[in-house]
Protein backbone atom coordinates (compact mmCIF):
# COMPACT_ATOMS: atom_id res chain seq x y z
CA MET A 1 0.00 0.00 0.00
CA LYS A 2 3.05 2.25 -0.02
CA HIS A 3 3.27 4.55 -3.03
CA GLU A 4 6.34 6.63 -3.75
CA PHE A 5 5.91 9.95 -5.49
CA PRO A 6 9.29 11.17 -6.77
CA GLY A 7 9.75 14.89 -6.97
CA SER A 8 8.09 16.24 -10.08
CA PRO A 9 9.48 19.18 -12.03
CA ALA A 10 5.91 20.43 -12.35
CA GLY A 11 4.99 23.23 -10.01
CA LEU A 12 2.25 25.80 -9.56
CA GLU A 13 1.77 26.60 -13.24
CA PRO A 14 -1.95 26.23 -14.14
CA TYR A 15 -3.04 22.76 -15.16
CA THR A 16 -4.19 22.53 -18.80
CA GLY A 17 -4.54 18.79 -19.31
CA ASP A 18 -7.51 16.43 -19.44
CA TRP A 19 -10.56 17.13 -17.28
CA ASP A 20 -12.07 13.67 -17.12
CA THR A 21 -13.40 11.32 -14.45
CA PRO A 22 -10.04 10.35 -12.86
CA HIS A 23 -9.01 14.00 -12.49
CA VAL A 24 -12.39 15.07 -11.11
CA VAL A 25 -12.48 12.16 -8.68
CA HIS A 26 -8.95 12.99 -7.52
CA LEU A 27 -9.92 16.60 -6.83
CA LEU A 28 -13.12 15.65 -4.99
CA LYS A 29 -11.63 12.87 -2.88
CA ARG A 30 -8.87 15.20 -1.71
CA THR A 31 -11.05 18.23 -0.99
CA LEU A 32 -14.37 16.66 0.08
CA PHE A 33 -15.35 13.51 1.92
CA GLY A 34 -15.71 11.10 -0.96
CA ALA A 35 -16.87 11.70 -4.53
CA THR A 36 -20.52 10.91 -5.23
CA VAL A 37 -21.78 10.02 -8.69
CA GLN A 38 -23.78 13.23 -8.84
CA ASP A 39 -20.83 15.34 -7.70
CA VAL A 40 -18.53 13.81 -10.31
CA ASN A 41 -21.08 14.50 -13.06
CA HIS A 42 -21.63 18.03 -11.80
CA PHE A 43 -17.97 19.01 -11.62
CA LYS A 44 -17.17 17.35 -14.95
CA SER A 45 -19.68 19.73 -16.53
CA LEU A 46 -17.57 22.68 -15.33
CA SER A 47 -14.07 23.68 -16.26
CA MET A 48 -11.33 22.70 -13.84
CA SER A 49 -10.94 26.30 -12.72
CA ALA A 50 -14.67 26.77 -12.16
CA ALA A 51 -14.81 23.46 -10.25
CA VAL A 52 -12.10 24.59 -7.84
CA ASP A 53 -13.76 27.98 -7.43
CA GLN A 54 -17.02 26.29 -6.45
CA LEU A 55 -15.33 23.92 -4.01
CA LEU A 56 -13.76 26.90 -2.27
CA GLN A 57 -17.05 28.69 -1.76
CA PRO A 58 -17.86 28.94 1.97
CA THR A 59 -21.15 27.59 3.24
CA ALA A 60 -23.51 28.96 5.85
CA ALA A 61 -22.93 28.24 9.52
CA PRO A 62 -24.81 25.18 10.83
CA ALA A 63 -28.51 25.76 11.37
CA THR A 64 -28.61 23.27 14.24
CA LYS A 65 -26.75 22.97 17.53
CA PRO A 66 -25.69 19.88 19.49
CA LEU A 67 -28.56 18.29 21.40
CA ASN A 68 -28.97 16.47 24.68
CA HIS A 69 -28.92 12.91 23.36
CA TYR A 70 -27.76 11.51 26.69
CA GLY A 71 -30.88 11.81 28.89
CA ALA A 72 -30.74 13.17 32.43
CA ASP A 73 -29.09 16.58 32.63
CA PRO A 74 -28.47 18.18 36.04
CA THR A 75 -29.01 21.65 34.57
CA GLY A 76 -32.50 20.71 33.43
CA VAL A 77 -31.89 20.64 29.67
CA ALA A 78 -34.61 18.36 28.26
CA GLN A 79 -33.61 15.44 26.06
CA TRP A 80 -33.42 16.39 22.37
CA SER A 81 -33.08 20.08 23.30
CA THR A 82 -29.82 21.93 22.77
CA TRP A 83 -27.50 22.42 25.71
CA VAL A 84 -25.71 25.28 23.92
CA GLY A 85 -26.54 28.62 25.50
CA THR A 86 -28.05 27.12 28.66
CA GLY A 87 -25.21 28.18 30.95
CA ILE A 88 -21.62 27.01 31.10
CA THR A 89 -20.59 27.55 34.71
CA TYR A 90 -22.07 24.32 36.11
CA GLN A 91 -19.18 22.07 37.16
CA ASP A 92 -20.11 18.43 36.58
CA GLN A 93 -17.56 16.39 34.69
CA GLU A 94 -19.94 13.52 33.89
CA MET A 95 -22.44 15.93 32.38
CA ASN A 96 -19.64 17.72 30.56
CA LEU A 97 -18.41 14.42 29.11
CA ASN A 98 -21.96 13.70 27.90
CA ARG A 99 -22.00 17.07 26.17
CA VAL A 100 -18.61 16.50 24.56
CA ARG A 101 -19.93 13.16 23.25
CA SER A 102 -22.99 14.98 21.95
CA MET A 103 -20.79 17.44 20.10
CA GLN A 104 -18.58 14.69 18.67
CA ALA A 105 -21.69 13.05 17.19
CA TRP A 106 -23.08 16.39 15.96
CA TRP A 107 -19.76 17.20 14.26
CA ILE A 108 -19.98 13.90 12.36
CA GLY A 109 -23.36 15.12 11.12
CA GLN A 110 -21.73 18.29 9.82
CA LEU A 111 -19.16 16.23 7.89
CA LEU A 112 -21.87 14.03 6.38
CA GLY A 113 -23.78 17.10 5.23
CA SER A 114 -20.77 19.04 3.96
CA GLY A 115 -22.03 19.09 0.34
CA ARG A 116 -19.88 20.45 -2.47
CA SER A 117 -17.71 22.78 -0.41
CA ILE A 118 -14.31 22.24 1.18
CA HIS A 119 -15.48 24.34 4.15
CA GLU A 120 -16.00 21.49 6.62
CA LYS A 121 -12.82 19.71 5.57
CA MET A 122 -10.83 22.91 6.09
CA THR A 123 -12.45 23.29 9.50
CA LEU A 124 -11.20 19.79 10.29
CA PHE A 125 -7.75 20.79 8.99
CA TRP A 126 -7.63 23.65 11.51
CA HIS A 127 -8.98 21.38 14.24
CA ASN A 128 -5.96 19.15 13.60
CA HIS A 129 -3.64 22.17 13.40
CA PHE A 130 -4.57 23.40 16.88
CA ALA A 131 -5.10 19.85 18.19
CA PRO A 132 -7.43 20.23 21.19
CA ASN A 133 -8.22 17.30 23.45
CA ALA A 134 -11.40 17.77 25.45
CA LEU A 135 -11.34 14.40 27.21
CA PRO A 136 -8.50 15.02 29.69
CA ASN A 137 -9.81 18.58 30.09
CA LEU A 138 -13.34 17.90 31.31
CA GLY A 139 -13.16 20.98 33.48
CA ILE A 140 -13.45 22.99 30.26
CA PRO A 141 -17.19 23.43 29.57
CA ALA A 142 -18.29 21.69 26.36
CA GLU A 143 -19.85 24.89 25.08
CA LEU A 144 -16.37 26.39 24.80
CA TRP A 145 -15.40 23.61 22.38
CA TYR A 146 -18.55 24.30 20.37
CA ASN A 147 -17.60 27.98 20.23
CA GLN A 148 -14.10 27.02 19.14
CA TYR A 149 -15.55 24.95 16.27
CA LEU A 150 -17.50 28.03 15.14
CA THR A 151 -14.31 30.11 15.29
CA LEU A 152 -12.37 27.59 13.20
CA ARG A 153 -15.21 27.48 10.71
CA LYS A 154 -15.54 31.28 10.53
CA TYR A 155 -11.93 31.74 9.46
CA ALA A 156 -11.36 28.38 7.75
CA LEU A 157 -11.15 29.83 4.24
CA GLY A 158 -10.13 33.33 5.21
CA ASN A 159 -7.22 35.08 6.87
CA PHE A 160 -4.87 32.90 8.92
CA PRO A 161 -3.46 35.69 11.15
CA GLN A 162 -7.03 36.60 12.10
CA LEU A 163 -7.71 32.96 12.95
CA MET A 164 -4.48 32.79 14.94
CA LYS A 165 -5.49 35.81 17.01
CA ALA A 166 -8.99 34.43 17.58
CA ILE A 167 -7.59 31.08 18.73
CA THR A 168 -5.01 32.77 20.97
CA LEU A 169 -7.87 34.49 22.78
CA ASP A 170 -10.22 31.50 22.56
CA PRO A 171 -11.44 30.56 26.07
CA ALA A 172 -10.97 26.79 25.58
CA MET A 173 -7.44 27.31 24.28
CA LEU A 174 -6.60 29.79 27.05
CA ILE A 175 -7.49 27.13 29.61
CA MET A 176 -5.99 24.13 27.79
CA LEU A 177 -2.57 25.75 27.27
CA ASN A 178 -2.50 27.68 30.55
CA GLY A 179 -2.80 31.08 28.92
CA SER A 180 -5.47 32.15 31.39
CA SER A 181 -2.98 31.72 34.26
CA ASN A 182 -0.05 33.44 32.49
CA THR A 183 0.75 36.60 34.49
CA LYS A 184 3.75 38.87 34.90
CA THR A 185 4.39 37.49 38.39
CA SER A 186 3.84 33.87 37.36
CA PRO A 187 4.76 33.52 33.67
CA ASN A 188 3.72 30.34 31.86
CA GLU A 189 5.53 29.58 28.60
CA ASN A 190 3.19 26.84 27.37
CA PHE A 191 1.26 28.85 24.80
CA GLY A 192 4.29 30.97 23.83
CA ARG A 193 6.07 27.75 22.91
CA GLU A 194 3.18 26.10 21.04
CA LEU A 195 2.41 29.34 19.22
CA GLN A 196 5.80 29.17 17.52
CA GLU A 197 6.62 25.46 17.47
CA LEU A 198 3.22 24.12 16.39
CA TYR A 199 1.06 26.93 15.06
CA SER A 200 3.11 29.48 13.15
CA ILE A 201 6.83 28.70 12.65
CA GLY A 202 7.26 24.97 13.11
CA LYS A 203 10.49 23.01 13.41
CA GLY A 204 11.66 23.03 9.80
CA SER A 205 15.18 23.56 8.54
CA GLY A 206 14.64 27.32 8.41
CA SER A 207 13.18 27.63 11.91
CA PHE A 208 15.67 29.35 14.22
CA TYR A 209 13.57 30.90 16.94
CA THR A 210 15.12 30.47 20.38
CA GLN A 211 14.14 29.55 23.91
CA SER A 212 14.46 33.25 24.67
CA ASP A 213 11.80 33.91 22.02
CA VAL A 214 9.49 31.46 23.82
CA ALA A 215 9.92 33.32 27.10
CA THR A 216 9.49 36.68 25.40
CA ALA A 217 6.29 35.55 23.65
CA ALA A 218 4.97 34.43 27.03
CA GLN A 219 5.59 37.96 28.35
CA VAL A 220 3.57 39.43 25.47
CA LEU A 221 0.73 37.03 26.26
CA THR A 222 0.44 37.89 29.95
CA GLY A 223 -2.89 39.29 31.13
CA HIS A 224 -5.09 37.51 28.59
CA THR A 225 -7.49 35.53 30.76
CA LEU A 226 -11.15 34.72 31.48
CA ASP A 227 -13.82 36.03 33.82
CA LEU A 228 -15.85 33.78 36.11
CA ASN A 229 -18.28 33.07 33.26
CA TYR A 230 -15.52 31.88 30.94
CA ASN A 231 -15.61 35.02 28.79
CA TYR A 232 -12.34 36.39 27.45
CA LEU A 233 -10.93 39.24 29.54
CA PHE A 234 -7.73 41.29 29.44
CA GLN A 235 -6.36 42.11 32.88
CA PRO A 236 -3.89 45.03 32.59
CA GLY A 237 -2.66 44.45 36.13
CA ASP A 238 -1.43 40.96 35.19
CA HIS A 239 0.27 42.11 31.98
CA ASP A 240 4.02 42.62 31.67
CA ASP A 241 4.20 46.13 30.23
CA THR A 242 7.97 46.22 29.65
CA ASN A 243 9.48 46.25 26.17
CA LYS A 244 10.08 42.74 24.76
CA LYS A 245 13.00 42.06 22.45
CA PHE A 246 13.03 39.01 20.17
CA SER A 247 16.02 37.28 18.61
CA VAL A 248 17.82 37.85 15.32
CA PHE A 249 15.51 35.26 13.73
CA TYR A 250 12.80 37.90 14.11
CA ASN A 251 15.16 40.71 13.08
CA ASN A 252 15.62 41.72 16.73
CA THR A 253 12.06 43.02 16.76
CA ILE A 254 11.07 44.95 19.87
CA VAL A 255 7.43 44.76 20.94
CA THR A 256 6.84 47.99 22.77
CA GLY A 257 5.27 47.47 26.17
CA TYR A 258 2.07 49.30 27.05
CA SER A 259 0.25 49.67 30.34
CA GLY A 260 -3.48 49.63 30.77
CA ALA A 261 -5.88 48.31 28.12
CA ALA A 262 -3.39 49.19 25.36
CA GLY A 263 -1.26 46.26 26.51
CA ALA A 264 -3.66 43.87 24.76
CA GLY A 265 -2.52 45.30 21.43
CA GLU A 266 0.98 43.88 21.87
CA LEU A 267 -0.43 40.57 20.64
CA ASP A 268 -1.12 42.12 17.21
CA THR A 269 2.47 43.34 16.96
CA MET A 270 3.83 39.91 17.84
CA LEU A 271 1.58 38.11 15.38
CA SER A 272 2.65 40.50 12.61
CA MET A 273 6.25 39.68 13.47
CA LEU A 274 5.59 35.93 13.32
CA PHE A 275 3.84 36.06 9.97
CA ALA A 276 6.43 38.35 8.42
CA THR A 277 8.90 35.47 8.44
CA GLN A 278 9.36 33.34 5.35
CA GLU A 279 9.39 30.21 7.50
CA SER A 280 5.86 30.79 8.84
CA ALA A 281 4.40 30.68 5.32
CA LYS A 282 6.49 27.64 4.35
CA PHE A 283 5.46 25.83 7.52
CA LEU A 284 1.77 26.29 6.79
CA CYS A 285 2.18 25.34 3.12
CA ARG A 286 3.92 22.11 4.12
CA LYS A 287 1.02 21.27 6.42
CA LEU A 288 -1.49 21.95 3.65
CA TYR A 289 0.56 19.77 1.30
CA ASN A 290 0.70 16.86 3.76
CA PHE A 291 -3.03 17.10 4.48
CA PHE A 292 -4.37 17.52 0.95
CA LEU A 293 -1.71 16.23 -1.46
CA TYR A 294 0.97 13.84 -0.29
CA TYR A 295 3.08 12.81 2.65
CA LYS A 296 6.48 13.27 1.05
CA ILE A 297 8.11 16.64 0.42
CA ASP A 298 11.50 16.29 -1.22
CA ASP A 299 13.89 19.02 -2.35
CA THR A 300 12.22 19.31 -5.76
CA ILE A 301 8.76 19.79 -4.30
CA GLU A 302 10.14 22.21 -1.71
CA ALA A 303 11.62 24.31 -4.54
CA ASN A 304 8.82 23.99 -7.11
CA VAL A 305 5.75 23.99 -4.89
CA ILE A 306 6.30 24.92 -1.25
CA THR A 307 8.52 27.99 -1.72
CA PRO A 308 6.46 29.67 -4.48
CA LEU A 309 3.21 28.77 -2.70
CA ALA A 310 4.55 30.35 0.48
CA ASP A 311 5.29 33.51 -1.51
CA ILE A 312 1.69 33.57 -2.74
CA LEU A 313 0.44 32.95 0.79
CA ARG A 314 2.37 35.94 2.18
CA GLN A 315 1.51 38.20 -0.75
CA SER A 316 -2.18 37.44 -0.27
CA GLY A 317 -2.03 38.38 3.38
CA TYR A 318 -2.28 34.71 4.36
CA ASN A 319 -5.57 34.28 2.54
CA MET A 320 -6.43 30.60 2.52
CA THR A 321 -8.82 30.67 -0.44
CA THR A 322 -6.21 32.29 -2.69
CA THR A 323 -3.55 29.82 -1.58
CA LEU A 324 -5.70 26.70 -1.92
CA SER A 325 -6.98 27.86 -5.30
CA THR A 326 -3.44 28.11 -6.60
CA LEU A 327 -2.58 24.65 -5.27
CA PHE A 328 -5.70 22.87 -6.55
CA LYS A 329 -5.41 24.45 -10.01
CA SER A 330 -1.73 23.60 -10.39
CA GLN A 331 -0.06 21.16 -12.76
CA HIS A 332 1.58 19.52 -9.77
CA PHE A 333 -1.74 18.69 -8.09
CA TYR A 334 -2.94 16.74 -11.14
CA ASP A 335 0.43 15.10 -11.70
CA LEU A 336 -0.51 12.96 -8.71
CA VAL A 337 -3.25 11.34 -10.82
CA ASN A 338 -0.89 10.11 -13.51
CA SER A 339 1.89 9.16 -11.10
CA GLY A 340 -0.38 6.95 -9.02
CA ALA A 341 0.67 8.87 -5.91
CA CYS A 342 -1.97 7.97 -3.36
CA ILE A 343 -2.30 8.48 0.36
CA ILE A 344 -4.05 6.24 2.86
CA LYS A 345 -7.46 7.63 3.69
CA SER A 346 -7.86 8.95 7.19
CA PRO A 347 -10.55 7.14 9.21
CA LEU A 348 -12.93 10.07 8.73
CA ASP A 349 -12.22 10.22 5.00
CA MET A 350 -12.96 6.50 4.78
CA LEU A 351 -16.10 6.46 6.95
CA ILE A 352 -17.71 9.71 5.83
CA GLY A 353 -16.62 9.17 2.23
CA LEU A 354 -18.14 5.68 2.21
CA CYS A 355 -21.47 6.97 3.54
CA ARG A 356 -21.53 9.82 1.04
CA GLU A 357 -20.38 7.84 -2.00
CA PHE A 358 -22.87 5.03 -1.42
CA GLN A 359 -25.42 7.64 -0.29
CA VAL A 360 -26.28 5.60 2.76
CA THR A 361 -29.63 6.65 4.21
CA ILE A 362 -29.35 8.57 7.48
CA PRO A 363 -32.45 8.72 9.71
CA THR A 364 -34.27 12.04 9.82
CA ASP A 365 -35.42 11.87 13.45
CA ALA A 366 -33.11 13.18 16.18
CA LYS A 367 -32.65 9.85 17.95
CA GLY A 368 -31.88 7.99 14.74
CA GLN A 369 -29.45 10.66 13.62
CA TYR A 370 -27.55 10.72 16.89
CA ASP A 371 -27.42 6.93 17.00
CA VAL A 372 -25.81 6.87 13.55
CA TRP A 373 -23.53 9.83 14.19
CA THR A 374 -22.40 8.35 17.51
CA MET A 375 -21.75 5.00 15.85
CA LEU A 376 -19.56 6.63 13.19
CA ALA A 377 -17.76 8.75 15.81
CA ASP A 378 -17.03 5.55 17.76
CA ASN A 379 -15.82 3.83 14.58
CA ALA A 380 -13.47 6.75 13.86
CA SER A 381 -12.19 6.61 17.43
CA ASP A 382 -11.51 2.87 17.09
CA LEU A 383 -9.55 3.70 13.94
CA GLN A 384 -7.52 6.31 15.88
CA GLN A 385 -9.10 9.55 14.65
CA GLU A 386 -11.38 10.90 17.33
CA ILE A 387 -12.76 14.41 16.92
CA LEU A 388 -12.19 16.66 19.96
CA ALA A 389 -9.72 14.13 21.36
CA ILE A 390 -6.50 14.57 19.41
CA PRO A 391 -3.91 12.78 21.57
CA LEU A 392 -0.85 14.73 20.43
CA VAL A 393 -0.42 18.51 20.66
CA ALA A 394 1.08 18.46 17.16
CA GLY A 395 -2.10 16.90 15.72
CA TRP A 396 -2.90 13.43 14.46
CA GLY A 397 0.43 11.71 13.85
CA ALA A 398 -0.37 10.76 10.25
CA TYR A 399 -0.05 14.42 9.22
CA HIS A 400 3.28 15.21 10.84
CA GLN A 401 5.23 12.17 12.04
CA ALA A 402 8.00 11.42 9.55
CA PRO A 403 8.79 9.15 7.88
CA GLN A 404 5.57 7.13 8.20
CA TYR A 405 2.99 9.96 7.92
CA HIS A 406 -0.21 8.50 6.39
CA GLU A 407 0.96 4.94 6.98
CA LEU A 408 0.25 5.44 10.68
CA TRP A 409 -3.46 5.11 9.93
CA ILE A 410 -2.95 1.42 9.15
CA ASN A 411 -1.79 -1.30 11.49
CA SER A 412 -2.81 -4.89 12.19
CA VAL A 413 -5.69 -3.71 14.39
CA THR A 414 -7.05 -0.78 12.39
CA TYR A 415 -6.84 -2.52 9.02
CA SER A 416 -8.89 -5.45 10.34
CA GLU A 417 -11.32 -3.03 11.94
CA ARG A 418 -11.74 -1.12 8.67
CA ASN A 419 -12.62 -4.33 6.87
CA PHE A 420 -14.97 -5.36 9.66
CA ILE A 421 -16.85 -2.04 9.34
CA THR A 422 -17.15 -2.18 5.55
CA ASP A 423 -18.25 -5.82 5.71
CA LEU A 424 -20.99 -4.84 8.17
CA LEU A 425 -22.21 -1.95 6.04
CA ILE A 426 -22.40 -4.01 2.85
CA GLY A 427 -23.82 -6.97 4.79
CA THR A 428 -26.40 -6.94 7.57
CA GLY A 429 -25.76 -3.32 8.50
CA ASN A 430 -24.09 -1.62 11.43
CA MET A 431 -26.53 -1.47 14.34
CA ARG A 432 -26.90 0.89 17.29
CA ASN A 433 -29.91 1.01 19.59
CA GLY A 434 -32.08 -0.52 16.89
CA THR A 435 -30.90 1.91 14.19
CA SER A 436 -29.18 0.31 11.21
CA LEU A 437 -26.71 1.88 8.82
CA ARG A 438 -26.53 -0.20 5.65
CA ILE A 439 -25.45 0.27 2.05
CA ASP A 440 -28.22 -0.08 -0.53
CA ALA A 441 -26.25 -1.79 -3.28
CA VAL A 442 -29.07 -1.70 -5.83
CA ALA A 443 -29.74 2.02 -5.26
CA PHE A 444 -26.04 2.79 -5.78
CA ALA A 445 -25.93 0.77 -9.01
CA ASN A 446 -29.00 2.70 -10.20
CA LEU A 447 -26.97 5.91 -9.97
CA LEU A 448 -24.49 4.65 -12.55
CA PRO A 449 -25.06 5.43 -16.24
CA ALA A 450 -25.40 1.86 -17.55
CA PRO A 451 -25.99 -0.66 -14.72
CA GLN A 452 -27.47 -3.19 -17.15
CA ASP A 453 -24.08 -3.55 -18.86
CA PRO A 454 -21.80 -5.62 -16.59
CA ASN A 455 -18.65 -4.15 -18.16
CA ARG A 456 -19.80 -0.57 -17.62
CA LEU A 457 -21.18 -1.37 -14.20
CA VAL A 458 -17.84 -2.65 -12.92
CA SER A 459 -15.74 0.09 -14.52
CA ASP A 460 -18.11 2.94 -13.57
CA ALA A 461 -18.34 1.73 -9.97
CA LEU A 462 -14.57 1.45 -9.78
CA ASP A 463 -14.23 5.02 -11.08
CA ILE A 464 -16.11 6.23 -8.00
CA LEU A 465 -14.95 3.81 -5.33
CA LEU A 466 -11.26 3.28 -6.14
CA ARG A 467 -8.67 5.90 -6.95
CA PRO A 468 -5.96 3.49 -8.18
CA PRO A 469 -7.29 1.64 -11.25
CA LEU A 470 -7.55 -2.14 -11.49
CA SER A 471 -6.15 -4.00 -14.48
CA ASP A 472 -8.44 -5.02 -17.35
CA SER A 473 -7.86 -8.68 -16.51
CA SER A 474 -8.95 -8.09 -12.92
CA ILE A 475 -12.10 -6.32 -14.07
CA THR A 476 -12.95 -9.16 -16.45
CA LEU A 477 -12.41 -11.72 -13.70
CA LEU A 478 -14.64 -9.77 -11.31
CA LYS A 479 -17.39 -9.52 -13.88
CA GLN A 480 -17.33 -13.19 -14.71
CA SER A 481 -16.95 -14.60 -11.21
CA ILE A 482 -19.46 -12.30 -9.46
CA LEU A 483 -21.93 -10.70 -11.87
CA LEU A 484 -22.08 -13.55 -14.37
CA GLY A 485 -22.08 -16.32 -11.78
CA GLY A 486 -18.99 -17.89 -13.28
CA GLY A 487 -20.32 -17.71 -16.83
CA THR A 488 -19.08 -15.76 -19.83
CA THR A 489 -22.27 -14.33 -21.30
CA ASP A 490 -22.92 -10.68 -20.46
CA MET A 491 -26.63 -11.14 -21.07
CA TYR A 492 -26.80 -13.20 -17.88
CA TRP A 493 -26.41 -10.01 -15.85
CA THR A 494 -28.28 -7.80 -18.28
CA ASN A 495 -31.36 -10.02 -18.12
CA ALA A 496 -31.21 -10.17 -14.31
CA TRP A 497 -31.08 -6.37 -14.12
CA LEU A 498 -33.86 -5.87 -16.67
CA ASN A 499 -36.03 -8.40 -14.81
CA TYR A 500 -35.56 -6.40 -11.64
CA LEU A 501 -36.41 -3.12 -13.38
CA ALA A 502 -39.57 -4.66 -14.84
CA ALA A 503 -40.75 -5.85 -11.42
CA PRO A 504 -38.87 -4.02 -8.63
CA SER A 505 -41.27 -5.37 -5.99
CA ASP A 506 -40.52 -8.96 -7.01
CA MET A 507 -38.27 -10.06 -4.16
CA ALA A 508 -36.72 -12.90 -6.14
CA ALA A 509 -35.77 -10.55 -8.98
CA TYR A 510 -34.43 -8.00 -6.48
CA ALA A 511 -32.42 -10.59 -4.58
CA ALA A 512 -30.84 -11.87 -7.81
CA VAL A 513 -29.18 -8.51 -8.44
CA ASP A 514 -28.78 -7.37 -4.84
CA SER A 515 -26.76 -10.40 -3.74
CA ARG A 516 -24.34 -10.09 -6.66
CA LEU A 517 -23.92 -6.35 -6.22
CA ARG A 518 -23.20 -6.78 -2.53
CA SER A 519 -20.56 -9.41 -3.34
CA LEU A 520 -19.04 -7.09 -5.95
CA PHE A 521 -18.89 -4.02 -3.70
CA LYS A 522 -17.63 -6.09 -0.78
CA TYR A 523 -14.82 -7.31 -2.98
CA PHE A 524 -13.94 -3.70 -3.89
CA MET A 525 -13.93 -2.59 -0.25
CA ASP A 526 -11.84 -5.57 0.85
CA LEU A 527 -9.07 -4.53 -1.54
CA PRO A 528 -6.10 -2.69 0.00
CA GLU A 529 -6.55 -0.10 -2.76
CA TYR A 530 -9.94 0.87 -1.33
CA HIS A 531 -8.13 2.60 1.52
CA LEU A 532 -6.14 4.81 -0.83
CA SER A 533 -7.18 8.24 -2.01
């Protein structure tokens, strides 16, 4: 399952090649959660440039809020009512855990309903970038994590320095990284360190900030805290109002100290200093590359893609839409199609993509929805990608731990678990509290342009479900052994399908096609290639 992608001379020059199914599917699988038949047809009808422009369009904020799906609530929030906005000062860790679980399930619902926009996937990118973990921090009210999600989403496709400032002052982050207790008499360097090491500069070959810079950043950040109701507050009396000098890496920048309320503005000066460095833009571009394109960045890619993309990022004022547009419209991005350079799907890409591509029916009632969402959240957790519970401060290891990167998603446990989940969904269905999540194999086949033709059926389904192509001999073998029942006459399948269409309520006719389709799709999902994107 390991694919090497040697450095390509192609860079950010606009792509002008074919705009066919493999290229559209590649774009959609990397930017959305899966590529549905309808989405592929829709984006094929556009030009490549117009397709990328549409994908980068932001979507409206969620119309719903997380609900009490857990029953008894000591604050009196009725079941199936939202707990958001009902008060966040009540200290009860069991209740707070229930609310975190509610939000994890609700977030899965947002991913399932993400449509034709990258907005939710970029929100997940930033969630990984800042890497919160609510579970060991149950003293942080769940509503603060919900508010943080809204902040990530608000700036997901916009200005990164604005997002960085918002997260620096975010109540959940202030508590998690000890910013709320960082004062001039008791300095805490935790956030000052993470701000540079993990969020803005990184640890690349061009990163030369010093331990002194960490301590100095902590001085700038003193006084930013919370009131008793968990609202952000700047306390001038706790702020170090002396001048702060940074190292030569930051051109010996001096952040002028201010007393009183003006001291809060020192943060803006420091952030401007951070984002003026070339390394900050390169660091973010590498993270985008690892998340959306490929795990390996060699010297050629660094020169042809990362460095010029970082220039565009800085020149745009760190505008994410401009930067992503350049990347997704580039020759290099589509070179990955022809090179066969694939990455292992993350658990969420696999689970959400499967549900979206097969268009698995999700219940419309609140209980049914939360049962399904919770089930998928639990599946993702079993596969080592749990929302709101990122175990490492640097994010999920598959996006930053060299040299394995994406390979960390697969081990002897998670690979077996992936196959167990897909076998359930194509078989009897995954069950939770009486709610079943199951692939409708016949309905999926009906979405394809020529399901009566066994050759087209296999190839068209593979176009959607597998990024790496199968050989012609493999496709022929699949057709004969599964759809044709071991025979060689295509009409065997064609007649079975036409019989079903003529009498869809005839259970025998339905079963004749359903059983073969389930065997076919199970075979696809059992292939190692199914886990590649």
